[in-house]
C-alpha cells in the first residue's frame, strides 16, 4: 500500500471518528435538555449496541482476510528466496567439483 492510499484511509477514519463524536454529542445534548423520552433512549442504545456488534464482526473478518493475504504473500516470498538459495548452491557446486 503506497503512502497516498494510506493517507486517504487515515483521513476517512478521522472523518468517521468525527461523525461518531458529533452523533454522540447530539444524543447527550438531547438527553440533557430532556428532548428525548426514555423509550427513544433505549432505542438509541440498542441501535448503538447493534452497530458496535456489526463493526466488531466486520473488523474481525477484515483482520482475518488481511492475515490470510499476508501469510500467502509471505509464503510466496519465502518460496522465491528458497528457490534462489537452492539455485545459487547448485550453481556453486557445479563450478567447484571439490565441494
PDB file of N, CA and C in Angstrom:
ATOM      1  N   UNK A   1       0.854  -1.171   0.000  1.00  0.00           N
ATOM      2  CA  UNK A   1       0.000   0.000   0.000  1.00  0.00           C
ATOM      3  C   UNK A   1       0.900   1.234   0.000  1.00  0.00           C
ATOM      4  N   UNK A   2       0.666   2.142  -0.943  1.00  0.00           N
ATOM      5  CA  UNK A   2       1.515   3.320  -1.033  1.00  0.00           C
ATOM      6  C   UNK A   2       1.071   4.394  -0.039  1.00  0.00           C
ATOM      7  N   UNK A   3       1.882   5.419   0.076  1.00  0.00           N
ATOM      8  CA  UNK A   3       1.664   6.466   1.071  1.00  0.00           C
ATOM      9  C   UNK A   3       0.358   7.209   0.833  1.00  0.00           C
ATOM     10  N   UNK A   4       0.050   7.486  -0.424  1.00  0.00           N
ATOM     11  CA  UNK A   4      -1.169   8.233  -0.742  1.00  0.00           C
ATOM     12  C   UNK A   4      -2.425   7.486  -0.295  1.00  0.00           C
ATOM     13  N   UNK A   5      -2.485   6.189  -0.555  1.00  0.00           N
ATOM     14  CA  UNK A   5      -3.672   5.433  -0.153  1.00  0.00           C
ATOM     15  C   UNK A   5      -3.748   5.296   1.368  1.00  0.00           C
ATOM     16  N   UNK A   6      -2.603   5.214   2.029  1.00  0.00           N
ATOM     17  CA  UNK A   6      -2.609   5.183   3.497  1.00  0.00           C
ATOM     18  C   UNK A   6      -3.152   6.478   4.068  1.00  0.00           C
ATOM     19  N   UNK A   7      -2.728   7.604   3.468  1.00  0.00           N
ATOM     20  CA  UNK A   7      -3.223   8.903   3.935  1.00  0.00           C
ATOM     21  C   UNK A   7      -4.724   9.032   3.707  1.00  0.00           C
ATOM     22  N   UNK A   8      -5.203   8.564   2.573  1.00  0.00           N
ATOM     23  CA  UNK A   8      -6.636   8.614   2.295  1.00  0.00           C
ATOM     24  C   UNK A   8      -7.408   7.757   3.292  1.00  0.00           C
ATOM     25  N   UNK A   9      -6.861   6.583   3.631  1.00  0.00           N
ATOM     26  CA  UNK A   9      -7.523   5.707   4.594  1.00  0.00           C
ATOM     27  C   UNK A   9      -7.561   6.375   5.964  1.00  0.00           C
ATOM     28  N   UNK A  10      -6.456   7.017   6.366  1.00  0.00           N
ATOM     29  CA  UNK A  10      -6.415   7.699   7.656  1.00  0.00           C
ATOM     30  C   UNK A  10      -7.402   8.865   7.682  1.00  0.00           C
ATOM     31  N   UNK A  11      -7.499   9.618   6.581  1.00  0.00           N
ATOM     32  CA  UNK A  11      -8.441  10.723   6.517  1.00  0.00           C
ATOM     33  C   UNK A  11      -9.883  10.216   6.649  1.00  0.00           C
ATOM     34  N   UNK A  12     -10.179   9.111   6.010  1.00  0.00           N
ATOM     35  CA  UNK A  12     -11.523   8.527   6.105  1.00  0.00           C
ATOM     36  C   UNK A  12     -11.818   8.100   7.538  1.00  0.00           C
ATOM     37  N   UNK A  13     -10.834   7.513   8.219  1.00  0.00           N
ATOM     38  CA  UNK A  13     -11.028   7.091   9.606  1.00  0.00           C
ATOM     39  C   UNK A  13     -11.245   8.295  10.521  1.00  0.00           C
ATOM     40  N   UNK A  14     -10.506   9.378  10.288  1.00  0.00           N
ATOM     41  CA  UNK A  14     -10.676  10.598  11.087  1.00  0.00           C
ATOM     42  C   UNK A  14     -12.075  11.171  10.855  1.00  0.00           C
ATOM     43  N   UNK A  15     -12.512  11.180   9.609  1.00  0.00           N
ATOM     44  CA  UNK A  15     -13.854  11.687   9.297  1.00  0.00           C
ATOM     45  C   UNK A  15     -14.923  10.849   9.997  1.00  0.00           C
ATOM     46  N   UNK A  16     -14.772   9.526   9.980  1.00  0.00           N
ATOM     47  CA  UNK A  16     -15.734   8.651  10.646  1.00  0.00           C
ATOM     48  C   UNK A  16     -15.751   8.906  12.146  1.00  0.00           C
ATOM     49  N   UNK A  17     -14.571   9.081  12.730  1.00  0.00           N
ATOM     50  CA  UNK A  17     -14.496   9.341  14.175  1.00  0.00           C
ATOM     51  C   UNK A  17     -15.170  10.660  14.525  1.00  0.00           C
ATOM     52  N   UNK A  18     -14.949  11.684  13.716  1.00  0.00           N
ATOM     53  CA  UNK A  18     -15.597  12.980  13.970  1.00  0.00           C
ATOM     54  C   UNK A  18     -17.115  12.863  13.868  1.00  0.00           C
ATOM     55  N   UNK A  19     -17.573  12.134  12.850  1.00  0.00           N
ATOM     56  CA  UNK A  19     -19.017  11.957  12.676  1.00  0.00           C
ATOM     57  C   UNK A  19     -19.618  11.250  13.885  1.00  0.00           C
ATOM     58  N   UNK A  20     -18.961  10.199  14.348  1.00  0.00           N
ATOM     59  CA  UNK A  20     -19.450   9.474  15.531  1.00  0.00           C
ATOM     60  C   UNK A  20     -19.470  10.373  16.755  1.00  0.00           C
ATOM     61  N   UNK A  21     -18.432  11.192  16.902  1.00  0.00           N
ATOM     62  CA  UNK A  21     -18.352  12.084  18.046  1.00  0.00           C
ATOM     63  C   UNK A  21     -19.521  13.070  18.036  1.00  0.00           C
ATOM     64  N   UNK A  22     -19.830  13.645  16.882  1.00  0.00           N
ATOM     65  CA  UNK A  22     -20.936  14.586  16.796  1.00  0.00           C
ATOM     66  C   UNK A  22     -22.270  13.917  17.103  1.00  0.00           C
ATOM     67  N   UNK A  23     -22.451  12.698  16.625  1.00  0.00           N
ATOM     68  CA  UNK A  23     -23.693  11.973  16.906  1.00  0.00           C
ATOM     69  C   UNK A  23     -23.845  11.752  18.406  1.00  0.00           C
ATOM     70  N   UNK A  24     -22.782  11.306  19.054  1.00  0.00           N
ATOM     71  CA  UNK A  24     -22.833  11.071  20.496  1.00  0.00           C
ATOM     72  C   UNK A  24     -23.091  12.379  21.239  1.00  0.00           C
ATOM     73  N   UNK A  25     -22.432  13.450  20.836  1.00  0.00           N
ATOM     74  CA  UNK A  25     -22.649  14.745  21.492  1.00  0.00           C
ATOM     75  C   UNK A  25     -24.091  15.223  21.328  1.00  0.00           C
ATOM     76  N   UNK A  26     -24.663  15.027  20.137  1.00  0.00           N
ATOM     77  CA  UNK A  26     -26.053  15.430  19.924  1.00  0.00           C
ATOM     78  C   UNK A  26     -27.018  14.610  20.783  1.00  0.00           C
ATOM     79  N   UNK A  27     -26.762  13.321  20.905  1.00  0.00           N
ATOM     80  CA  UNK A  27     -27.621  12.478  21.746  1.00  0.00           C
ATOM     81  C   UNK A  27     -27.507  12.905  23.210  1.00  0.00           C
ATOM     82  N   UNK A  28     -26.292  13.139  23.666  1.00  0.00           N
ATOM     83  CA  UNK A  28     -26.090  13.566  25.058  1.00  0.00           C
ATOM     84  C   UNK A  28     -26.755  14.921  25.302  1.00  0.00           C
ATOM     85  N   UNK A  29     -26.614  15.828  24.351  1.00  0.00           N
ATOM     86  CA  UNK A  29     -27.247  17.140  24.490  1.00  0.00           C
ATOM     87  C   UNK A  29     -28.769  17.007  24.532  1.00  0.00           C
ATOM     88  N   UNK A  30     -29.319  16.173  23.674  1.00  0.00           N
ATOM     89  CA  UNK A  30     -30.771  15.962  23.664  1.00  0.00           C
ATOM     90  C   UNK A  30     -31.230  15.352  24.989  1.00  0.00           C
ATOM     91  N   UNK A  31     -30.453  14.442  25.539  1.00  0.00           N
ATOM     92  CA  UNK A  31     -30.809  13.850  26.833  1.00  0.00           C
ATOM     93  C   UNK A  31     -30.738  14.879  27.952  1.00  0.00           C
ATOM     94  N   UNK A  32     -29.696  15.717  27.921  1.00  0.00           N
ATOM     95  CA  UNK A  32     -29.552  16.728  28.968  1.00  0.00           C
ATOM     96  C   UNK A  32     -30.669  17.765  28.905  1.00  0.00           C
ATOM     97  N   UNK A  33     -31.108  18.093  27.705  1.00  0.00           N
ATOM     98  CA  UNK A  33     -32.185  19.066  27.549  1.00  0.00           C
ATOM     99  C   UNK A  33     -33.561  18.416  27.669  1.00  0.00           C
ATOM    100  N   UNK A  34     -33.556  17.125  27.954  1.00  0.00           N
ATOM    101  CA  UNK A  34     -34.793  16.355  28.132  1.00  0.00           C
ATOM    102  C   UNK A  34     -35.662  16.382  26.874  1.00  0.00           C
ATOM    103  N   UNK A  35     -35.004  16.324  25.715  1.00  0.00           N
ATOM    104  CA  UNK A  35     -35.717  16.313  24.439  1.00  0.00           C
ATOM    105  C   UNK A  35     -36.051  14.897  23.982  1.00  0.00           C
ATOM    106  N   UNK A  36     -35.370  13.913  24.562  1.00  0.00           N
ATOM    107  CA  UNK A  36     -35.612  12.517  24.185  1.00  0.00           C
ATOM    108  C   UNK A  36     -36.333  11.796  25.315  1.00  0.00           C
ATOM    109  N   UNK A  37     -37.424  11.137  25.002  1.00  0.00           N
ATOM    110  CA  UNK A  37     -38.077  10.327  26.040  1.00  0.00           C
ATOM    111  C   UNK A  37     -37.244   9.069  26.325  1.00  0.00           C
ATOM    112  N   UNK A  38     -37.561   8.411  27.413  1.00  0.00           N
ATOM    113  CA  UNK A  38     -36.793   7.238  27.828  1.00  0.00           C
ATOM    114  C   UNK A  38     -36.852   6.127  26.788  1.00  0.00           C
ATOM    115  N   UNK A  39     -37.990   5.949  26.136  1.00  0.00           N
ATOM    116  CA  UNK A  39     -38.103   4.890  25.125  1.00  0.00           C
ATOM    117  C   UNK A  39     -37.187   5.171  23.944  1.00  0.00           C
ATOM    118  N   UNK A  40     -37.035   6.439  23.582  1.00  0.00           N
ATOM    119  CA  UNK A  40     -36.120   6.796  22.495  1.00  0.00           C
ATOM    120  C   UNK A  40     -34.683   6.513  22.908  1.00  0.00           C
ATOM    121  N   UNK A  41     -34.361   6.760  24.173  1.00  0.00           N
ATOM    122  CA  UNK A  41     -33.012   6.468  24.667  1.00  0.00           C
ATOM    123  C   UNK A  41     -32.720   4.979  24.566  1.00  0.00           C
ATOM    124  N   UNK A  42     -33.687   4.155  24.948  1.00  0.00           N
ATOM    125  CA  UNK A  42     -33.490   2.706  24.855  1.00  0.00           C
ATOM    126  C   UNK A  42     -33.286   2.281  23.404  1.00  0.00           C
ATOM    127  N   UNK A  43     -34.051   2.854  22.502  1.00  0.00           N
ATOM    128  CA  UNK A  43     -33.905   2.530  21.078  1.00  0.00           C
ATOM    129  C   UNK A  43     -32.529   2.950  20.568  1.00  0.00           C
ATOM    130  N   UNK A  44     -32.068   4.111  21.011  1.00  0.00           N
ATOM    131  CA  UNK A  44     -30.747   4.592  20.593  1.00  0.00           C
ATOM    132  C   UNK A  44     -29.651   3.684  21.141  1.00  0.00           C
ATOM    133  N   UNK A  45     -29.773   3.289  22.400  1.00  0.00           N
ATOM    134  CA  UNK A  45     -28.773   2.405  22.990  1.00  0.00           C
ATOM    135  C   UNK A  45     -28.740   1.044  22.294  1.00  0.00           C
ATOM    136  N   UNK A  46     -29.903   0.525  21.959  1.00  0.00           N
ATOM    137  CA  UNK A  46     -29.969  -0.750  21.237  1.00  0.00           C
ATOM    138  C   UNK A  46     -29.338  -0.591  19.858  1.00  0.00           C
ATOM    139  N   UNK A  47     -29.626   0.515  19.187  1.00  0.00           N
ATOM    140  CA  UNK A  47     -29.035   0.765  17.869  1.00  0.00           C
ATOM    141  C   UNK A  47     -27.512   0.855  17.968  1.00  0.00           C
ATOM    142  N   UNK A  48     -27.007   1.580  18.983  1.00  0.00           N
ATOM    143  CA  UNK A  48     -25.560   1.674  19.170  1.00  0.00           C
ATOM    144  C   UNK A  48     -24.947   0.301  19.442  1.00  0.00           C
ATOM    145  N   UNK A  49     -25.623  -0.496  20.248  1.00  0.00           N
ATOM    146  CA  UNK A  49     -25.107  -1.837  20.539  1.00  0.00           C
ATOM    147  C   UNK A  49     -25.058  -2.696  19.278  1.00  0.00           C
ATOM    148  N   UNK A  50     -26.100  -2.639  18.471  1.00  0.00           N
ATOM    149  CA  UNK A  50     -26.119  -3.408  17.223  1.00  0.00           C
ATOM    150  C   UNK A  50     -25.034  -2.934  16.258  1.00  0.00           C
ATOM    151  N   UNK A  51     -24.873  -1.618  16.155  1.00  0.00           N
ATOM    152  CA  UNK A  51     -23.828  -1.065  15.284  1.00  0.00           C
ATOM    153  C   UNK A  51     -22.457  -1.510  15.771  1.00  0.00           C
ATOM    154  N   UNK A  52     -22.240  -1.483  17.080  1.00  0.00           N
ATOM    155  CA  UNK A  52     -20.952  -1.909  17.630  1.00  0.00           C
ATOM    156  C   UNK A  52     -20.685  -3.384  17.342  1.00  0.00           C
ATOM    157  N   UNK A  53     -21.720  -4.216  17.466  1.00  0.00           N
ATOM    158  CA  UNK A  53     -21.540  -5.638  17.192  1.00  0.00           C
ATOM    159  C   UNK A  53     -21.212  -5.876  15.722  1.00  0.00           C
ATOM    160  N   UNK A  54     -21.916  -5.195  14.832  1.00  0.00           N
ATOM    161  CA  UNK A  54     -21.637  -5.336  13.391  1.00  0.00           C
ATOM    162  C   UNK A  54     -20.229  -4.858  13.091  1.00  0.00           C
ATOM    163  N   UNK A  55     -19.829  -3.736  13.693  1.00  0.00           N
ATOM    164  CA  UNK A  55     -18.488  -3.205  13.481  1.00  0.00           C
ATOM    165  C   UNK A  55     -17.431  -4.213  13.934  1.00  0.00           C
ATOM    166  N   UNK A  56     -17.637  -4.847  15.075  1.00  0.00           N
ATOM    167  CA  UNK A  56     -16.674  -5.832  15.564  1.00  0.00           C
ATOM    168  C   UNK A  56     -16.584  -7.036  14.642  1.00  0.00           C
ATOM    169  N   UNK A  57     -17.715  -7.504  14.144  1.00  0.00           N
ATOM    170  CA  UNK A  57     -17.708  -8.656  13.232  1.00  0.00           C
ATOM    171  C   UNK A  57     -16.996  -8.296  11.928  1.00  0.00           C
ATOM    172  N   UNK A  58     -17.303  -7.133  11.388  1.00  0.00           N
ATOM    173  CA  UNK A  58     -16.655  -6.699  10.144  1.00  0.00           C
ATOM    174  C   UNK A  58     -15.155  -6.515  10.360  1.00  0.00           C
ATOM    175  N   UNK A  59     -14.766  -5.946  11.482  1.00  0.00           N
ATOM    176  CA  UNK A  59     -13.340  -5.770  11.781  1.00  0.00           C
ATOM    177  C   UNK A  59     -12.633  -7.115  11.903  1.00  0.00           C
ATOM    178  N   UNK A  60     -13.281  -8.062  12.542  1.00  0.00           N
ATOM    179  CA  UNK A  60     -12.683  -9.395  12.682  1.00  0.00           C
ATOM    180  C   UNK A  60     -12.523 -10.063  11.324  1.00  0.00           C
ATOM    181  N   UNK A  61     -13.532  -9.969  10.486  1.00  0.00           N
ATOM    182  CA  UNK A  61     -13.445 -10.561   9.154  1.00  0.00           C
ATOM    183  C   UNK A  61     -12.349  -9.893   8.339  1.00  0.00           C
ATOM    184  N   UNK A  62     -12.270  -8.581   8.424  1.00  0.00           N
ATOM    185  CA  UNK A  62     -11.233  -7.847   7.703  1.00  0.00           C
ATOM    186  C   UNK A  62      -9.837  -8.237   8.193  1.00  0.00           C
ATOM    187  N   UNK A  63      -9.686  -8.357   9.509  1.00  0.00           N
ATOM    188  CA  UNK A  63      -8.398  -8.761  10.067  1.00  0.00           C
ATOM    189  C   UNK A  63      -7.992 -10.155   9.631  1.00  0.00           C
ATOM    190  N   UNK A  64      -8.950 -11.074   9.623  1.00  0.00           N
ATOM    191  CA  UNK A  64      -8.653 -12.435   9.173  1.00  0.00           C
ATOM    192  C   UNK A  64      -8.273 -12.458   7.690  1.00  0.00           C
ATOM    193  N   UNK A  65      -8.969 -11.662   6.894  1.00  0.00           N
ATOM    194  CA  UNK A  65      -8.660 -11.591   5.461  1.00  0.00           C
ATOM    195  C   UNK A  65      -7.243 -11.035   5.247  1.00  0.00           C
ATOM    196  N   UNK A  66      -6.888  -9.990   5.997  1.00  0.00           N
ATOM    197  CA  UNK A  66      -5.544  -9.418   5.879  1.00  0.00           C
ATOM    198  C   UNK A  66      -4.494 -10.414   6.329  1.00  0.00           C
ATOM    199  N   UNK A  67      -4.786 -11.153   7.395  1.00  0.00           N
ATOM    200  CA  UNK A  67      -3.842 -12.155   7.874  1.00  0.00           C
ATOM    201  C   UNK A  67      -3.621 -13.226   6.824  1.00  0.00           C
ATOM    202  N   UNK A  68      -4.708 -13.716   6.231  1.00  0.00           N
ATOM    203  CA  UNK A  68      -4.593 -14.750   5.208  1.00  0.00           C
ATOM    204  C   UNK A  68      -3.813 -14.234   3.999  1.00  0.00           C
ATOM    205  N   UNK A  69      -4.099 -13.009   3.584  1.00  0.00           N
ATOM    206  CA  UNK A  69      -3.403 -12.415   2.443  1.00  0.00           C
ATOM    207  C   UNK A  69      -1.922 -12.238   2.739  1.00  0.00           C
ATOM    208  N   UNK A  70      -1.601 -11.754   3.937  1.00  0.00           N
ATOM    209  CA  UNK A  70      -0.193 -11.537   4.278  1.00  0.00           C
ATOM    210  C   UNK A  70       0.545 -12.857   4.413  1.00  0.00           C
ATOM    211  N   UNK A  71      -0.125 -13.884   4.927  1.00  0.00           N
ATOM    212  CA  UNK A  71       0.513 -15.202   5.021  1.00  0.00           C
ATOM    213  C   UNK A  71       0.809 -15.752   3.647  1.00  0.00           C
ATOM    214  N   UNK A  72      -0.130 -15.604   2.724  1.00  0.00           N
ATOM    215  CA  UNK A  72       0.085 -16.092   1.357  1.00  0.00           C
ATOM    216  C   UNK A  72       1.234 -15.337   0.698  1.00  0.00           C
ATOM    217  N   UNK A  73       1.273 -14.024   0.895  1.00  0.00           N
ATOM    218  CA  UNK A  73       2.353 -13.219   0.317  1.00  0.00           C
ATOM    219  C   UNK A  73       3.697 -13.610   0.933  1.00  0.00           C
ATOM    220  N   UNK A  74       3.719 -13.817   2.252  1.00  0.00           N
ATOM    221  CA  UNK A  74       4.957 -14.226   2.915  1.00  0.00           C
ATOM    222  C   UNK A  74       5.413 -15.598   2.434  1.00  0.00           C
ATOM    223  N   UNK A  75       4.473 -16.502   2.235  1.00  0.00           N
ATOM    224  CA  UNK A  75       4.821 -17.835   1.747  1.00  0.00           C
ATOM    225  C   UNK A  75       5.403 -17.756   0.342  1.00  0.00           C
ATOM    226  N   UNK A  76       4.861 -16.903  -0.502  1.00  0.00           N
ATOM    227  CA  UNK A  76       5.385 -16.741  -1.852  1.00  0.00           C
ATOM    228  C   UNK A  76       6.797 -16.154  -1.818  1.00  0.00           C
ATOM    229  N   UNK A  77       7.003 -15.144  -0.948  1.00  0.00           N
ATOM    230  CA  UNK A  77       8.346 -14.559  -0.829  1.00  0.00           C
ATOM    231  C   UNK A  77       9.344 -15.589  -0.315  1.00  0.00           C
ATOM    232  N   UNK A  78       8.952 -16.367   0.680  1.00  0.00           N
ATOM    233  CA  UNK A  78       9.834 -17.386   1.234  1.00  0.00           C
ATOM    234  C   UNK A  78      10.159 -18.438   0.176  1.00  0.00           C
ATOM    235  N   UNK A  79       9.159 -18.837  -0.590  1.00  0.00           N
ATOM    236  CA  UNK A  79       9.377 -19.816  -1.659  1.00  0.00           C
ATOM    237  C   UNK A  79      10.371 -19.276  -2.687  1.00  0.00           C
ATOM    238  N   UNK A  80      10.222 -18.011  -3.049  1.00  0.00           N
ATOM    239  CA  UNK A  80      11.142 -17.397  -4.020  1.00  0.00           C
ATOM    240  C   UNK A  80      12.567 -17.358  -3.467  1.00  0.00           C
ATOM    241  N   UNK A  81      12.710 -16.972  -2.198  1.00  0.00           N
ATOM    242  CA  UNK A  81      14.039 -16.896  -1.576  1.00  0.00           C
ATOM    243  C   UNK A  81      14.680 -18.275  -1.526  1.00  0.00           C
ATOM    244  N   UNK A  82      13.905 -19.283  -1.121  1.00  0.00           N
ATOM    245  CA  UNK A  82      14.454 -20.648  -1.054  1.00  0.00           C
ATOM    246  C   UNK A  82      14.875 -21.147  -2.428  1.00  0.00           C
ATOM    247  N   UNK A  83      14.091 -20.852  -3.453  1.00  0.00           N
ATOM    248  CA  UNK A  83      14.465 -21.255  -4.818  1.00  0.00           C
ATOM    249  C   UNK A  83      15.762 -20.584  -5.252  1.00  0.00           C
ATOM    250  N   UNK A  84      15.921 -19.311  -4.908  1.00  0.00           N
ATOM    251  CA  UNK A  84      17.149 -18.590  -5.257  1.00  0.00           C
ATOM    252  C   UNK A  84      18.351 -19.190  -4.531  1.00  0.00           C
ATOM    253  N   UNK A  85      18.181 -19.510  -3.241  1.00  0.00           N
ATOM    254  CA  UNK A  85      19.285 -20.096  -2.465  1.00  0.00           C
ATOM    255  C   UNK A  85      19.661 -21.457  -3.034  1.00  0.00           C
ATOM    256  N   UNK A  86      18.672 -22.268  -3.355  1.00  0.00           N
ATOM    257  CA  UNK A  86      18.944 -23.592  -3.928  1.00  0.00           C
ATOM    258  C   UNK A  86      19.640 -23.449  -5.274  1.00  0.00           C
ATOM    259  N   UNK A  87      19.195 -22.506  -6.084  1.00  0.00           N
ATOM    260  CA  UNK A  87      19.824 -22.286  -7.389  1.00  0.00           C
ATOM    261  C   UNK A  87      21.267 -21.833  -7.226  1.00  0.00           C
ATOM    262  N   UNK A  88      21.526 -20.944  -6.271  1.00  0.00           N
ATOM    263  CA  UNK A  88      22.899 -20.474  -6.037  1.00  0.00           C
ATOM    264  C   UNK A  88      23.786 -21.615  -5.553  1.00  0.00           C
ATOM    265  N   UNK A  89      23.285 -22.427  -4.645  1.00  0.00           N
ATOM    266  CA  UNK A  89      24.087 -23.557  -4.147  1.00  0.00           C
ATOM    267  C   UNK A  89      24.366 -24.569  -5.251  1.00  0.00           C
ATOM    268  N   UNK A  90      23.367 -24.835  -6.061  1.00  0.00           N
ATOM    269  CA  UNK A  90      23.555 -25.763  -7.177  1.00  0.00           C
ATOM    270  C   UNK A  90      24.583 -25.211  -8.149  1.00  0.00           C
ATOM    271  N   UNK A  91      24.505 -23.922  -8.400  1.00  0.00           N
ATOM    272  CA  UNK A  91      25.461 -23.276  -9.292  1.00  0.00           C
ATOM    273  C   UNK A  91      26.858 -23.310  -8.723  1.00  0.00           C
ATOM    274  N   UNK A  92      27.002 -23.050  -7.402  1.00  0.00           N
ATOM    275  CA  UNK A  92      28.308 -23.081  -6.750  1.00  0.00           C
ATOM    276  C   UNK A  92      28.910 -24.482  -6.800  1.00  0.00           C
ATOM    277  N   UNK A  93      28.103 -25.485  -6.578  1.00  0.00           N
ATOM    278  CA  UNK A  93      28.600 -26.862  -6.609  1.00  0.00           C
ATOM    279  C   UNK A  93      29.010 -27.256  -8.023  1.00  0.00           C
ATOM    280  N   UNK A  94      28.316 -26.749  -9.000  1.00  0.00           N
ATOM    281  CA  UNK A  94      28.660 -27.067 -10.393  1.00  0.00           C
ATOM    282  C   UNK A  94      29.980 -26.427 -10.802  1.00  0.00           C
ATOM    283  N   UNK A  95      30.310 -25.287 -10.237  1.00  0.00           N
ATOM    284  CA  UNK A  95      31.565 -24.611 -10.590  1.00  0.00           C
ATOM    285  C   UNK A  95      32.751 -25.206  -9.851  1.00  0.00           C
ATOM    286  N   UNK A  96      32.551 -25.667  -8.619  1.00  0.00           N
ATOM    287  CA  UNK A  96      33.654 -26.194  -7.825  1.00  0.00           C
ATOM    288  C   UNK A  96      33.327 -27.656  -7.473  1.00  0.00           C
ATOM    289  N   UNK A  97      33.845 -28.601  -8.262  1.00  0.00           N
ATOM    290  CA  UNK A  97      33.515 -30.009  -8.035  1.00  0.00           C
ATOM    291  C   UNK A  97      34.069 -30.564  -6.721  1.00  0.00           C
ATOM    292  N   UNK A  98      34.983 -29.876  -6.080  1.00  0.00           N
ATOM    293  CA  UNK A  98      35.565 -30.363  -4.839  1.00  0.00           C
ATOM    294  C   UNK A  98      34.619 -30.266  -3.647  1.00  0.00           C
ATOM    295  N   UNK A  99      33.520 -29.570  -3.774  1.00  0.00           N
ATOM    296  CA  UNK A  99      32.606 -29.395  -2.632  1.00  0.00           C
ATOM    297  C   UNK A  99      31.659 -30.511  -2.481  1.00  0.00           C
TER     298      UNK A  99
END
